[in-house]
Protein backbone atom coordinates (compact mmCIF):
# COMPACT_ATOMS: atom_id res chain seq x y z
CA MET A 1 -100.56 -9.13 -84.80
CA ARG A 2 -102.63 -5.90 -85.24
CA ALA A 3 -103.16 -5.59 -81.38
CA GLU A 4 -99.49 -6.32 -80.93
CA HIS A 5 -98.47 -3.61 -83.53
CA ARG A 6 -100.85 -1.08 -81.85
CA HIS A 7 -99.42 -2.01 -78.32
CA ARG A 8 -95.86 -1.38 -79.56
CA ARG A 9 -96.82 1.81 -81.49
CA ARG A 10 -98.37 3.11 -78.24
CA HIS A 11 -95.17 2.49 -76.28
CA VAL A 12 -93.13 4.11 -78.98
CA GLU A 13 -95.44 7.08 -78.91
CA GLU A 14 -95.13 7.33 -75.07
CA LEU A 15 -91.38 7.21 -75.07
CA LEU A 16 -91.09 9.89 -77.74
CA GLU A 17 -93.37 11.95 -75.62
CA GLU A 18 -91.25 11.34 -72.67
CA ILE A 19 -88.15 12.36 -74.41
CA TRP A 20 -89.94 15.52 -75.33
CA THR A 21 -90.79 16.22 -71.85
CA LEU A 22 -87.39 15.41 -70.38
CA ARG A 23 -85.91 17.82 -72.92
CA GLU A 24 -88.26 20.66 -71.92
CA SER A 25 -86.72 20.37 -68.31
CA GLY A 26 -83.05 20.20 -69.63
CA ARG A 27 -82.65 16.35 -69.27
CA SER A 28 -82.11 13.70 -71.83
CA SER A 29 -80.38 10.73 -70.24
CA LEU A 30 -80.91 7.15 -71.30
CA GLU A 31 -81.24 6.11 -67.64
CA GLU A 32 -84.16 8.44 -67.01
CA LEU A 33 -85.96 6.96 -69.96
CA LEU A 34 -85.30 3.27 -68.79
CA GLU A 35 -86.66 4.46 -65.36
CA PHE A 36 -89.93 5.80 -66.99
CA THR A 37 -90.71 2.66 -68.82
CA LYS A 38 -89.95 0.31 -66.01
CA THR A 39 -90.11 -2.83 -68.33
CA ALA A 40 -87.50 -5.36 -69.21
CA GLN A 41 -87.98 -4.82 -73.08
CA ALA A 42 -87.31 -0.89 -72.68
CA ARG A 43 -83.80 -1.15 -73.92
CA GLU A 44 -84.80 -3.33 -76.84
CA LEU A 45 -87.62 -0.99 -77.84
CA LEU A 46 -85.27 2.02 -77.68
CA GLU A 47 -83.00 0.21 -79.95
CA HIS A 48 -85.69 -0.60 -82.25
CA MET A 49 -86.58 3.28 -82.33
CA ALA A 50 -83.11 4.12 -83.08
CA GLU A 51 -83.07 1.60 -86.06
CA ARG A 52 -86.23 3.22 -87.45
CA GLY A 53 -84.59 6.52 -87.36
CA LEU A 54 -86.88 7.97 -84.60
CA ILE A 55 -84.30 8.71 -82.08
CA ALA A 56 -80.45 8.78 -81.85
CA ILE A 57 -78.46 7.19 -78.82
CA GLU A 58 -75.12 8.90 -78.11
CA GLY A 59 -73.37 7.20 -75.16
CA GLU A 60 -75.92 8.00 -72.26
CA GLU A 61 -77.86 10.67 -74.16
CA VAL A 62 -81.01 10.17 -76.19
CA ARG A 63 -82.13 12.77 -78.74
CA LEU A 64 -85.01 12.97 -81.12
CA THR A 65 -84.53 12.73 -84.87
CA PRO A 66 -86.45 14.90 -87.27
CA GLU A 67 -88.88 12.18 -87.93
CA GLY A 68 -89.13 11.33 -84.22
CA GLU A 69 -89.53 15.05 -83.28
CA ALA A 70 -92.55 15.35 -85.60
CA ILE A 71 -94.27 12.32 -84.05
CA ALA A 72 -93.56 13.52 -80.70
CA ARG A 73 -94.81 17.00 -81.23
CA GLU A 74 -98.09 15.58 -82.32
CA VAL A 75 -98.42 13.31 -79.40
CA VAL A 76 -97.51 16.05 -77.06
CA ARG A 77 -99.98 18.45 -78.77
CA ARG A 78 -102.85 15.92 -78.49
CA HIS A 79 -102.24 15.21 -74.85
CA ARG A 80 -102.12 18.74 -73.70
CA LEU A 81 -105.14 19.74 -75.82
CA ALA A 82 -107.08 16.81 -74.37
CA GLU A 83 -105.95 18.01 -70.80
CA ARG A 84 -107.44 21.40 -71.66
CA LEU A 85 -110.72 19.90 -72.93
CA LEU A 86 -111.20 17.68 -70.05
CA SER A 87 -110.16 20.29 -67.39
CA ASP A 88 -111.80 23.54 -68.82
CA VAL A 89 -114.94 22.18 -70.60
CA LEU A 90 -115.85 18.99 -68.92
CA GLU A 91 -114.27 20.16 -65.58
CA VAL A 92 -113.07 16.70 -64.49
CA SER A 93 -110.47 16.26 -61.76
CA GLU A 94 -106.71 16.85 -62.38
CA SER A 95 -106.13 13.10 -61.95
CA LEU A 96 -108.87 11.99 -64.17
CA ALA A 97 -107.91 14.59 -66.74
CA GLU A 98 -104.27 13.35 -66.88
CA SER A 99 -105.24 9.70 -67.15
CA HIS A 100 -107.78 10.21 -69.79
CA ALA A 101 -105.45 12.57 -71.81
CA CYS A 102 -103.06 9.64 -71.94
CA GLU A 103 -105.58 7.61 -73.85
CA PHE A 104 -106.73 10.54 -76.12
CA GLU A 105 -103.26 11.26 -77.22
CA HIS A 106 -103.17 7.72 -79.08
CA LEU A 107 -106.75 8.13 -80.60
CA LEU A 108 -107.33 11.64 -81.84
CA SER A 109 -106.78 12.10 -85.64
CA PRO A 110 -105.07 15.32 -86.90
CA GLU A 111 -108.58 16.72 -88.17
CA VAL A 112 -110.20 16.08 -84.69
CA THR A 113 -107.16 17.43 -82.94
CA ASP A 114 -107.47 20.79 -84.90
CA SER A 115 -111.09 20.90 -84.28
CA VAL A 116 -110.45 20.67 -80.44
CA CYS A 117 -107.80 23.38 -80.60
CA THR A 118 -110.13 25.68 -82.52
CA PHE A 119 -113.03 24.92 -80.25
CA LEU A 120 -110.74 25.84 -77.22
CA GLY A 121 -109.55 29.08 -78.94
CA HIS A 122 -106.00 27.76 -79.61
CA PRO A 123 -104.76 27.65 -76.02
CA PRO A 124 -100.96 28.26 -75.78
CA THR A 125 -100.54 26.23 -72.70
CA CYS A 126 -101.81 22.92 -70.88
CA PRO A 127 -103.38 23.34 -67.42
CA HIS A 128 -99.81 22.76 -65.91
CA GLY A 129 -98.50 25.77 -67.87
CA LYS A 130 -96.50 23.70 -70.37
CA PRO A 131 -96.52 24.91 -73.94
CA ILE A 132 -98.97 23.22 -76.42
CA PRO A 133 -97.14 22.72 -79.80
CA ARG A 134 -98.87 24.91 -82.46
CA GLY A 135 -100.84 23.33 -85.25
CA GLU A 136 -101.78 24.57 -88.80
CA CYS A 137 -105.03 25.74 -87.39
CA CYS A 138 -103.26 27.99 -85.03
CA ALA A 139 -101.05 29.45 -87.73
CA LYS A 140 -104.07 30.18 -89.98
CA PHE A 141 -106.31 31.24 -87.21
CA ARG A 142 -109.24 29.27 -88.83
CA ARG A 143 -112.64 29.77 -87.18
CA GLU A 144 -114.86 26.96 -88.51
CA LEU A 145 -116.04 26.38 -84.85
CA SER A 146 -116.85 29.18 -82.43
CA PRO A 147 -114.20 28.80 -79.70
CA LEU A 148 -115.56 28.27 -76.26
CA VAL A 149 -112.46 29.91 -74.71
CA LEU A 150 -111.30 33.23 -75.91
CA PRO A 151 -109.11 36.08 -74.89
CA LEU A 152 -110.57 38.76 -72.79
CA THR A 153 -110.07 41.16 -75.51
CA GLU A 154 -112.71 39.30 -77.66
CA LEU A 155 -115.33 39.46 -75.06
CA GLU A 156 -118.36 41.63 -75.55
CA VAL A 157 -118.80 44.64 -73.25
CA GLY A 158 -121.37 43.75 -70.50
CA SER A 159 -120.56 40.12 -70.69
CA GLU A 160 -119.72 37.88 -67.64
CA ALA A 161 -116.97 35.27 -67.97
CA LYS A 162 -115.12 32.67 -66.02
CA ILE A 163 -111.27 32.93 -66.16
CA VAL A 164 -110.01 29.69 -67.61
CA PHE A 165 -106.26 30.16 -67.87
CA ILE A 166 -103.71 32.99 -67.91
CA ALA A 167 -100.75 33.06 -70.40
CA PRO A 168 -98.66 35.92 -69.12
CA ARG A 169 -95.35 36.88 -70.75
CA SER A 170 -93.90 37.20 -67.37
CA HIS A 171 -94.23 35.85 -63.81
CA ALA A 172 -94.53 39.37 -62.48
CA THR A 173 -97.70 40.02 -64.36
CA LEU A 174 -99.12 36.69 -63.22
CA ASP A 175 -98.22 37.55 -59.49
CA ARG A 176 -99.78 40.99 -60.02
CA LEU A 177 -102.95 39.77 -61.40
CA ALA A 178 -103.23 37.06 -58.61
CA SER A 179 -102.73 39.67 -55.88
CA ILE A 180 -106.09 41.37 -57.02
CA GLY A 181 -107.95 38.12 -57.46
CA ILE A 182 -107.66 37.63 -61.34
CA ILE A 183 -107.01 33.87 -61.12
CA PRO A 184 -108.19 30.76 -62.96
CA GLY A 185 -111.70 29.96 -61.76
CA SER A 186 -112.61 33.33 -60.78
CA THR A 187 -115.49 35.28 -62.58
CA LEU A 188 -115.57 38.67 -64.06
CA ARG A 189 -117.65 41.17 -65.84
CA LEU A 190 -116.28 43.47 -68.60
CA HIS A 191 -117.61 46.92 -68.27
CA GLN A 192 -115.44 48.69 -71.08
CA LYS A 193 -112.74 48.35 -73.52
CA ARG A 194 -111.67 51.89 -74.21
CA PRO A 195 -109.48 53.80 -73.35
CA ALA A 196 -108.62 50.77 -71.01
CA PHE A 197 -110.18 47.52 -70.15
CA VAL A 198 -112.36 47.85 -66.97
CA ILE A 199 -113.48 44.76 -65.22
CA ARG A 200 -115.20 43.74 -62.06
CA ALA A 201 -114.04 40.74 -60.10
CA GLY A 202 -116.08 40.19 -57.04
CA GLU A 203 -116.30 43.71 -55.28
CA THR A 204 -113.21 45.03 -57.05
CA GLU A 205 -113.34 47.06 -60.17
CA LEU A 206 -110.01 47.62 -61.88
CA ALA A 207 -108.59 48.84 -65.22
CA ILE A 208 -106.00 46.93 -67.18
CA ASP A 209 -104.17 47.56 -70.54
CA GLU A 210 -105.06 45.68 -73.68
CA GLU A 211 -101.69 43.67 -73.62
CA VAL A 212 -102.63 42.20 -70.32
CA ALA A 213 -106.40 41.66 -71.29
CA ARG A 214 -105.02 39.56 -74.32
CA GLN A 215 -103.28 37.16 -71.93
CA ILE A 216 -106.43 36.46 -70.03
CA TYR A 217 -108.49 33.57 -71.48
CA VAL A 218 -112.13 33.21 -70.47
CA LYS A 219 -115.38 31.24 -71.13
CA ARG A 220 -118.58 33.18 -71.52
CA LEU A 221 -121.12 32.78 -68.68
CA ARG A 222 -123.70 35.17 -69.92
């Protein structure tokens, strides 16, 4: 019975995560959820979730209740943090990162999840650019663990680092940085911070303002 209970809980979490993901893209149809599950018991499971008060089914639309929202938020957070850990730290392939993140999302405790988030420097997005729901550790900016990934603004002058991800506030900023070779995976050296941030990327030396530097997340090399 315990194995059966764990199996059902996993399917419930996956459905809640899918409802959250569909909502991010502006979709919430019952038909799409049934297509996602591809099991004969899908409708029965959704009805069970509605009885538990995790979702509300209104015609052909499905929405999360406050209780379902809280669970979905944590599952999505664990999944996307696991993707970051696997991609940025362990440097596994995208397909492996995705499959293993699907396992981790059901295993990580809240304490371990916060530790992973702090270790990574509280990343705002997953490798696919989707937002990672904030946790208490992000709000309090706890630093029990020295973050492996940090904003360029916190890098020491003279240090060399690898760009892990960029979280720009506009696509225009991302496009401008890409046009001068500032992209995830490339390396840079920080020469100065005042009056502007001066970095060298390859053979190019350029100055960027502090606001842009704060949106570039790096991992120290030396």
